[in-house]
């Protein structure tokens, strides 16, 4: 399941043209809760609730949504009063995001690009949802360093991603892409999934202190819930010293 359009792989920073095109092609269906992004629609309330618990009152907080896609997380944050910047490398997805935000009466600063190219910083939180599994291993350390740079001292960096386990292959690849066809085949590469220990090491290598982890588990009625089992989808939060 992926949030974005996407910051993955290749010669120009952390964005890969083929990966960007893949998610651009889904732009028109992004806001369809029964379309290719249905798993994200089901997951969004619980992952955003978990992040919000670690931030407290969101009113007025400056939050950067890296790999924002068409804006599912960005709009949730904006409705809670945050000042949101959405960043993605996929132009068509961003156009869908801007159109949906305008129709919803929300003010969100959507920008095309990659975190390593974004000037400034000082964000209260940087969120990176279903993104880092699309960043090639050789570029992940620099990617995480960019996330740390963009957060203010004491700021939060929160990620959600997929674990590299047999169960994640069964659920995310065989189940979601091949059997249930929730996602187009080839959306994910299981070999690119990260163990929590690997993600934690990347964040600590970027100078961040890991503070919380949690699993996201399918719940009754088709939604998700927070739990201890991180074998498939999981969340990780870290703080920038300061």
C-alpha atoms as a PDB file:
ATOM      1  CA  UNK A   1       0.000   0.000   0.000  1.00  0.00           C
ATOM      2  CA  UNK A   2       1.482   3.292  -0.915  1.00  0.00           C
ATOM      3  CA  UNK A   3       0.746   6.875  -0.113  1.00  0.00           C
ATOM      4  CA  UNK A   4       2.613   8.537  -2.815  1.00  0.00           C
ATOM      5  CA  UNK A   5       3.515   9.159  -6.292  1.00  0.00           C
ATOM      6  CA  UNK A   6       6.591   8.591  -5.304  1.00  0.00           C
ATOM      7  CA  UNK A   7      10.050   9.386  -3.932  1.00  0.00           C
ATOM      8  CA  UNK A   8      11.765   6.271  -5.060  1.00  0.00           C
ATOM      9  CA  UNK A   9      14.951   5.354  -6.754  1.00  0.00           C
ATOM     10  CA  UNK A  10      17.053   6.543  -9.626  1.00  0.00           C
ATOM     11  CA  UNK A  11      19.546   9.160 -10.589  1.00  0.00           C
ATOM     12  CA  UNK A  12      17.755  12.417  -9.716  1.00  0.00           C
ATOM     13  CA  UNK A  13      17.706  12.503  -5.942  1.00  0.00           C
ATOM     14  CA  UNK A  14      15.312   9.946  -4.466  1.00  0.00           C
ATOM     15  CA  UNK A  15      12.694  10.113  -7.242  1.00  0.00           C
ATOM     16  CA  UNK A  16      12.456   7.565 -10.052  1.00  0.00           C
ATOM     17  CA  UNK A  17      10.618   8.425 -13.259  1.00  0.00           C
ATOM     18  CA  UNK A  18       8.977   5.014 -13.679  1.00  0.00           C
ATOM     19  CA  UNK A  19       7.802   5.019 -10.059  1.00  0.00           C
ATOM     20  CA  UNK A  20       6.393   8.522 -10.382  1.00  0.00           C
ATOM     21  CA  UNK A  21       4.536   7.554 -13.571  1.00  0.00           C
ATOM     22  CA  UNK A  22       3.049   4.513 -11.851  1.00  0.00           C
ATOM     23  CA  UNK A  23       1.358   6.618  -9.193  1.00  0.00           C
ATOM     24  CA  UNK A  24       0.498   9.452 -11.551  1.00  0.00           C
ATOM     25  CA  UNK A  25      -1.591   6.892 -13.466  1.00  0.00           C
ATOM     26  CA  UNK A  26      -3.647   6.284 -10.318  1.00  0.00           C
ATOM     27  CA  UNK A  27      -4.300   9.969  -9.653  1.00  0.00           C
ATOM     28  CA  UNK A  28      -7.880  10.037 -10.935  1.00  0.00           C
ATOM     29  CA  UNK A  29      -8.856   7.136  -8.642  1.00  0.00           C
ATOM     30  CA  UNK A  30      -7.021   8.290  -5.525  1.00  0.00           C
ATOM     31  CA  UNK A  31     -10.093   9.618  -3.726  1.00  0.00           C
ATOM     32  CA  UNK A  32     -12.304   6.661  -4.636  1.00  0.00           C
ATOM     33  CA  UNK A  33     -12.645   4.680  -1.369  1.00  0.00           C
ATOM     34  CA  UNK A  34     -13.440   1.544  -3.385  1.00  0.00           C
ATOM     35  CA  UNK A  35     -10.694   2.068  -5.970  1.00  0.00           C
ATOM     36  CA  UNK A  36      -6.997   1.133  -6.025  1.00  0.00           C
ATOM     37  CA  UNK A  37      -6.351   3.235  -2.918  1.00  0.00           C
ATOM     38  CA  UNK A  38      -9.067   1.548  -0.836  1.00  0.00           C
ATOM     39  CA  UNK A  39      -6.490   0.120   1.636  1.00  0.00           C
ATOM     40  CA  UNK A  40      -5.163   3.624   2.304  1.00  0.00           C
ATOM     41  CA  UNK A  41      -8.672   4.947   2.925  1.00  0.00           C
ATOM     42  CA  UNK A  42      -9.200   2.139   5.447  1.00  0.00           C
ATOM     43  CA  UNK A  43      -5.817   2.710   7.087  1.00  0.00           C
ATOM     44  CA  UNK A  44      -5.789   6.508   7.199  1.00  0.00           C
ATOM     45  CA  UNK A  45      -7.922   7.171  10.316  1.00  0.00           C
ATOM     46  CA  UNK A  46      -5.920   4.863  12.579  1.00  0.00           C
ATOM     47  CA  UNK A  47      -2.462   5.896  11.385  1.00  0.00           C
ATOM     48  CA  UNK A  48      -3.326   9.585  11.591  1.00  0.00           C
ATOM     49  CA  UNK A  49      -4.881   9.119  15.014  1.00  0.00           C
ATOM     50  CA  UNK A  50      -1.690   7.453  16.244  1.00  0.00           C
ATOM     51  CA  UNK A  51       0.434  10.317  14.954  1.00  0.00           C
ATOM     52  CA  UNK A  52      -1.932  12.936  16.399  1.00  0.00           C
ATOM     53  CA  UNK A  53      -1.657  11.324  19.848  1.00  0.00           C
ATOM     54  CA  UNK A  54       2.083  12.027  19.769  1.00  0.00           C
ATOM     55  CA  UNK A  55       1.624  15.638  18.690  1.00  0.00           C
ATOM     56  CA  UNK A  56      -1.219  16.712  20.956  1.00  0.00           C
ATOM     57  CA  UNK A  57      -3.227  19.719  19.803  1.00  0.00           C
ATOM     58  CA  UNK A  58      -2.633  20.064  16.060  1.00  0.00           C
ATOM     59  CA  UNK A  59      -3.985  23.608  15.809  1.00  0.00           C
ATOM     60  CA  UNK A  60      -1.369  25.787  14.131  1.00  0.00           C
ATOM     61  CA  UNK A  61       1.339  23.110  13.936  1.00  0.00           C
ATOM     62  CA  UNK A  62       3.474  23.203  10.790  1.00  0.00           C
ATOM     63  CA  UNK A  63       3.460  19.691   9.312  1.00  0.00           C
ATOM     64  CA  UNK A  64       5.196  18.386   6.187  1.00  0.00           C
ATOM     65  CA  UNK A  65       3.577  15.381   4.467  1.00  0.00           C
ATOM     66  CA  UNK A  66       6.342  13.770   2.380  1.00  0.00           C
ATOM     67  CA  UNK A  67       4.977  11.649  -0.460  1.00  0.00           C
ATOM     68  CA  UNK A  68       1.527  13.124   0.021  1.00  0.00           C
ATOM     69  CA  UNK A  69      -0.012  11.632  -3.133  1.00  0.00           C
ATOM     70  CA  UNK A  70      -3.467  13.115  -3.662  1.00  0.00           C
ATOM     71  CA  UNK A  71      -3.676  14.309  -0.083  1.00  0.00           C
ATOM     72  CA  UNK A  72      -5.409  11.762   2.150  1.00  0.00           C
ATOM     73  CA  UNK A  73      -3.173  12.491   5.153  1.00  0.00           C
ATOM     74  CA  UNK A  74      -2.713  16.183   4.311  1.00  0.00           C
ATOM     75  CA  UNK A  75      -6.454  16.823   4.323  1.00  0.00           C
ATOM     76  CA  UNK A  76      -6.926  14.948   7.597  1.00  0.00           C
ATOM     77  CA  UNK A  77      -4.282  17.153   9.226  1.00  0.00           C
ATOM     78  CA  UNK A  78      -5.674  20.354   7.719  1.00  0.00           C
ATOM     79  CA  UNK A  79      -9.153  19.549   9.053  1.00  0.00           C
ATOM     80  CA  UNK A  80      -7.598  19.269  12.521  1.00  0.00           C
ATOM     81  CA  UNK A  81      -6.138  22.774  12.228  1.00  0.00           C
ATOM     82  CA  UNK A  82      -2.567  22.038  11.168  1.00  0.00           C
ATOM     83  CA  UNK A  83      -0.717  24.203   8.649  1.00  0.00           C
ATOM     84  CA  UNK A  84       0.145  21.569   6.060  1.00  0.00           C
ATOM     85  CA  UNK A  85       2.698  21.357   3.272  1.00  0.00           C
ATOM     86  CA  UNK A  86       2.261  18.351   0.985  1.00  0.00           C
ATOM     87  CA  UNK A  87       5.299  17.237  -1.012  1.00  0.00           C
ATOM     88  CA  UNK A  88       5.347  14.723  -3.855  1.00  0.00           C
ATOM     89  CA  UNK A  89       7.228  14.050  -7.083  1.00  0.00           C
ATOM     90  CA  UNK A  90       4.106  13.127  -9.074  1.00  0.00           C
ATOM     91  CA  UNK A  91       2.512  16.073 -10.812  1.00  0.00           C
ATOM     92  CA  UNK A  92      -0.801  14.403 -11.684  1.00  0.00           C
ATOM     93  CA  UNK A  93      -1.313  13.231  -8.104  1.00  0.00           C
ATOM     94  CA  UNK A  94      -0.630  16.767  -6.869  1.00  0.00           C
ATOM     95  CA  UNK A  95      -3.168  18.197  -9.312  1.00  0.00           C
ATOM     96  CA  UNK A  96      -5.732  15.764  -7.912  1.00  0.00           C
ATOM     97  CA  UNK A  97      -4.711  16.849  -4.406  1.00  0.00           C
ATOM     98  CA  UNK A  98      -5.091  20.549  -5.195  1.00  0.00           C
ATOM     99  CA  UNK A  99      -8.477  20.046  -6.853  1.00  0.00           C
ATOM    100  CA  UNK A 100      -9.830  17.964  -3.980  1.00  0.00           C
ATOM    101  CA  UNK A 101      -8.575  20.409  -1.347  1.00  0.00           C
ATOM    102  CA  UNK A 102     -10.140  23.341  -3.203  1.00  0.00           C
ATOM    103  CA  UNK A 103     -13.476  21.529  -3.502  1.00  0.00           C
ATOM    104  CA  UNK A 104     -13.297  20.774   0.220  1.00  0.00           C
ATOM    105  CA  UNK A 105     -12.482  24.359   1.183  1.00  0.00           C
ATOM    106  CA  UNK A 106      -9.062  23.445   2.595  1.00  0.00           C
ATOM    107  CA  UNK A 107      -5.869  25.471   2.289  1.00  0.00           C
ATOM    108  CA  UNK A 108      -2.883  23.146   1.787  1.00  0.00           C
ATOM    109  CA  UNK A 109       0.469  24.118   0.276  1.00  0.00           C
ATOM    110  CA  UNK A 110       1.165  21.361  -2.245  1.00  0.00           C
ATOM    111  CA  UNK A 111       4.651  21.321  -3.761  1.00  0.00           C
ATOM    112  CA  UNK A 112       6.257  19.118  -6.378  1.00  0.00           C
ATOM    113  CA  UNK A 113       9.665  17.767  -5.459  1.00  0.00           C
ATOM    114  CA  UNK A 114      11.717  15.689  -3.043  1.00  0.00           C
ATOM    115  CA  UNK A 115      12.676  16.312   0.587  1.00  0.00           C
ATOM    116  CA  UNK A 116      16.374  16.721  -0.187  1.00  0.00           C
ATOM    117  CA  UNK A 117      15.492  19.640  -2.494  1.00  0.00           C
ATOM    118  CA  UNK A 118      13.113  21.409  -0.113  1.00  0.00           C
ATOM    119  CA  UNK A 119      14.524  24.646   1.257  1.00  0.00           C
ATOM    120  CA  UNK A 120      13.829  25.786   4.776  1.00  0.00           C
ATOM    121  CA  UNK A 121      12.600  23.472   7.474  1.00  0.00           C
ATOM    122  CA  UNK A 122      11.536  24.014  11.041  1.00  0.00           C
ATOM    123  CA  UNK A 123       8.468  21.772  10.799  1.00  0.00           C
ATOM    124  CA  UNK A 124       6.812  20.625  14.011  1.00  0.00           C
ATOM    125  CA  UNK A 125       6.341  17.247  12.364  1.00  0.00           C
ATOM    126  CA  UNK A 126       7.439  15.463   9.201  1.00  0.00           C
ATOM    127  CA  UNK A 127       5.253  12.503   8.239  1.00  0.00           C
ATOM    128  CA  UNK A 128       6.263   9.877   5.681  1.00  0.00           C
ATOM    129  CA  UNK A 129       3.496   7.340   5.083  1.00  0.00           C
ATOM    130  CA  UNK A 130       3.933   4.231   2.914  1.00  0.00           C
ATOM    131  CA  UNK A 131       6.910   5.855   1.213  1.00  0.00           C
ATOM    132  CA  UNK A 132      10.284   4.655   2.428  1.00  0.00           C
ATOM    133  CA  UNK A 133       9.776   1.127   1.053  1.00  0.00           C
ATOM    134  CA  UNK A 134       9.908   2.753  -2.396  1.00  0.00           C
ATOM    135  CA  UNK A 135      13.260   4.459  -1.729  1.00  0.00           C
ATOM    136  CA  UNK A 136      16.231   2.311  -2.853  1.00  0.00           C
ATOM    137  CA  UNK A 137      18.424   1.076   0.009  1.00  0.00           C
ATOM    138  CA  UNK A 138      21.420   3.043  -1.272  1.00  0.00           C
ATOM    139  CA  UNK A 139      19.479   6.304  -0.884  1.00  0.00           C
ATOM    140  CA  UNK A 140      17.635   5.685   2.366  1.00  0.00           C
ATOM    141  CA  UNK A 141      20.271   7.156   4.680  1.00  0.00           C
ATOM    142  CA  UNK A 142      20.299  10.441   2.729  1.00  0.00           C
ATOM    143  CA  UNK A 143      16.500  10.402   2.576  1.00  0.00           C
ATOM    144  CA  UNK A 144      16.238  10.071   6.364  1.00  0.00           C
ATOM    145  CA  UNK A 145      18.877  12.764   6.845  1.00  0.00           C
ATOM    146  CA  UNK A 146      16.667  15.102   4.783  1.00  0.00           C
ATOM    147  CA  UNK A 147      13.661  14.286   6.968  1.00  0.00           C
ATOM    148  CA  UNK A 148      15.687  15.078  10.085  1.00  0.00           C
ATOM    149  CA  UNK A 149      16.921  18.353   8.599  1.00  0.00           C
ATOM    150  CA  UNK A 150      13.374  19.489   7.838  1.00  0.00           C
ATOM    151  CA  UNK A 151      12.107  18.894  11.384  1.00  0.00           C
ATOM    152  CA  UNK A 152      12.649  21.561  13.999  1.00  0.00           C
ATOM    153  CA  UNK A 153      14.589  20.753  17.193  1.00  0.00           C
ATOM    154  CA  UNK A 154      12.249  18.641  19.287  1.00  0.00           C
ATOM    155  CA  UNK A 155      10.082  17.966  16.239  1.00  0.00           C
ATOM    156  CA  UNK A 156       8.510  14.627  15.355  1.00  0.00           C
ATOM    157  CA  UNK A 157       9.352  12.423  12.376  1.00  0.00           C
ATOM    158  CA  UNK A 158       6.725   9.696  11.878  1.00  0.00           C
ATOM    159  CA  UNK A 159       6.722   6.931   9.277  1.00  0.00           C
ATOM    160  CA  UNK A 160       4.506   4.038   8.310  1.00  0.00           C
ATOM    161  CA  UNK A 161       5.741   1.179   6.158  1.00  0.00           C
ATOM    162  CA  UNK A 162       5.718  -2.579   5.550  1.00  0.00           C
ATOM    163  CA  UNK A 163       7.809  -5.147   7.376  1.00  0.00           C
ATOM    164  CA  UNK A 164       9.869  -7.657   5.396  1.00  0.00           C
ATOM    165  CA  UNK A 165       8.354 -10.885   6.685  1.00  0.00           C
ATOM    166  CA  UNK A 166       6.733 -13.945   5.171  1.00  0.00           C
ATOM    167  CA  UNK A 167       3.381 -12.689   6.404  1.00  0.00           C
ATOM    168  CA  UNK A 168       3.825  -9.303   4.716  1.00  0.00           C
ATOM    169  CA  UNK A 169       4.513 -11.075   1.425  1.00  0.00           C
ATOM    170  CA  UNK A 170       1.353 -13.132   1.867  1.00  0.00           C
ATOM    171  CA  UNK A 171      -0.821 -10.120   2.726  1.00  0.00           C
ATOM    172  CA  UNK A 172       0.687  -7.233   0.743  1.00  0.00           C
ATOM    173  CA  UNK A 173       1.907  -9.012  -2.385  1.00  0.00           C
ATOM    174  CA  UNK A 174       0.032 -12.290  -2.859  1.00  0.00           C
ATOM    175  CA  UNK A 175      -3.189 -11.119  -1.198  1.00  0.00           C
ATOM    176  CA  UNK A 176      -3.549  -7.414  -1.991  1.00  0.00           C
ATOM    177  CA  UNK A 177      -2.010  -7.428  -5.477  1.00  0.00           C
ATOM    178  CA  UNK A 178      -2.629 -10.911  -6.922  1.00  0.00           C
ATOM    179  CA  UNK A 179      -5.671 -12.453  -5.252  1.00  0.00           C
ATOM    180  CA  UNK A 180      -7.858  -9.558  -4.072  1.00  0.00           C
ATOM    181  CA  UNK A 181      -6.447  -7.113  -6.658  1.00  0.00           C
ATOM    182  CA  UNK A 182      -6.824  -4.165  -4.281  1.00  0.00           C
ATOM    183  CA  UNK A 183      -3.619  -2.757  -5.795  1.00  0.00           C
ATOM    184  CA  UNK A 184      -2.101  -3.017  -9.283  1.00  0.00           C
ATOM    185  CA  UNK A 185       0.445  -5.801  -9.599  1.00  0.00           C
ATOM    186  CA  UNK A 186       3.952  -4.494  -9.130  1.00  0.00           C
ATOM    187  CA  UNK A 187       2.951  -1.742  -6.694  1.00  0.00           C
ATOM    188  CA  UNK A 188       5.364  -3.184  -4.152  1.00  0.00           C
ATOM    189  CA  UNK A 189       8.669  -5.022  -4.173  1.00  0.00           C
ATOM    190  CA  UNK A 190       8.841  -7.242  -1.083  1.00  0.00           C
ATOM    191  CA  UNK A 191      12.643  -7.116  -1.111  1.00  0.00           C
ATOM    192  CA  UNK A 192      12.434  -3.360  -0.502  1.00  0.00           C
ATOM    193  CA  UNK A 193      10.376  -3.703   2.686  1.00  0.00           C
ATOM    194  CA  UNK A 194      12.176  -2.712   5.887  1.00  0.00           C
ATOM    195  CA  UNK A 195      12.531  -4.569   9.159  1.00  0.00           C
ATOM    196  CA  UNK A 196      11.774  -2.277  12.125  1.00  0.00           C
ATOM    197  CA  UNK A 197      15.385  -2.690  13.235  1.00  0.00           C
ATOM    198  CA  UNK A 198      16.569  -1.417   9.841  1.00  0.00           C
ATOM    199  CA  UNK A 199      14.265   1.602   9.886  1.00  0.00           C
ATOM    200  CA  UNK A 200      15.247   2.393  13.464  1.00  0.00           C
ATOM    201  CA  UNK A 201      18.928   2.259  12.540  1.00  0.00           C
ATOM    202  CA  UNK A 202      18.343   4.641   9.624  1.00  0.00           C
ATOM    203  CA  UNK A 203      16.556   7.146  11.848  1.00  0.00           C
ATOM    204  CA  UNK A 204      19.203   6.964  14.562  1.00  0.00           C
ATOM    205  CA  UNK A 205      21.870   7.370  11.887  1.00  0.00           C
ATOM    206  CA  UNK A 206      20.117  10.607  10.874  1.00  0.00           C
ATOM    207  CA  UNK A 207      20.437  11.885  14.438  1.00  0.00           C
ATOM    208  CA  UNK A 208      16.872  11.097  15.533  1.00  0.00           C
ATOM    209  CA  UNK A 209      15.774   9.307  18.696  1.00  0.00           C
ATOM    210  CA  UNK A 210      13.167   6.568  18.135  1.00  0.00           C
ATOM    211  CA  UNK A 211      10.384   6.982  20.692  1.00  0.00           C
ATOM    212  CA  UNK A 212       7.451   4.761  19.653  1.00  0.00           C
ATOM    213  CA  UNK A 213       6.531   1.845  17.423  1.00  0.00           C
ATOM    214  CA  UNK A 214       3.213   0.121  16.764  1.00  0.00           C
ATOM    215  CA  UNK A 215       1.622  -2.313  14.365  1.00  0.00           C
ATOM    216  CA  UNK A 216      -1.400  -1.616  12.175  1.00  0.00           C
ATOM    217  CA  UNK A 217      -3.695  -4.620  12.057  1.00  0.00           C
ATOM    218  CA  UNK A 218      -6.872  -5.344  10.083  1.00  0.00           C
ATOM    219  CA  UNK A 219      -9.873  -4.751  12.292  1.00  0.00           C
ATOM    220  CA  UNK A 220     -13.474  -5.847  12.229  1.00  0.00           C
ATOM    221  CA  UNK A 221     -15.540  -4.194   9.530  1.00  0.00           C
ATOM    222  CA  UNK A 222     -12.684  -3.640   7.108  1.00  0.00           C
ATOM    223  CA  UNK A 223     -10.763  -0.950   8.972  1.00  0.00           C
ATOM    224  CA  UNK A 224      -7.481  -1.106  10.866  1.00  0.00           C
ATOM    225  CA  UNK A 225      -6.501  -0.955  14.517  1.00  0.00           C
ATOM    226  CA  UNK A 226      -3.310  -0.320  16.466  1.00  0.00           C
ATOM    227  CA  UNK A 227      -1.634  -3.335  18.064  1.00  0.00           C
ATOM    228  CA  UNK A 228       1.722  -4.806  19.041  1.00  0.00           C
ATOM    229  CA  UNK A 229       2.036  -7.076  16.015  1.00  0.00           C
ATOM    230  CA  UNK A 230       4.289  -5.314  13.485  1.00  0.00           C
ATOM    231  CA  UNK A 231       4.698  -8.276  11.121  1.00  0.00           C
ATOM    232  CA  UNK A 232       2.919  -6.572   8.199  1.00  0.00           C
ATOM    233  CA  UNK A 233       2.226  -2.819   8.557  1.00  0.00           C
ATOM    234  CA  UNK A 234       3.862  -0.729  11.255  1.00  0.00           C
ATOM    235  CA  UNK A 235       4.407   2.831  12.453  1.00  0.00           C
ATOM    236  CA  UNK A 236       7.537   4.392  13.914  1.00  0.00           C
ATOM    237  CA  UNK A 237       7.986   7.795  15.540  1.00  0.00           C
ATOM    238  CA  UNK A 238      11.238   9.599  16.307  1.00  0.00           C
ATOM    239  CA  UNK A 239      12.216  12.963  17.745  1.00  0.00           C
ATOM    240  CA  UNK A 240      14.900  15.408  16.697  1.00  0.00           C
ATOM    241  CA  UNK A 241      17.039  16.354  19.683  1.00  0.00           C
ATOM    242  CA  UNK A 242      16.659  19.893  20.858  1.00  0.00           C
END
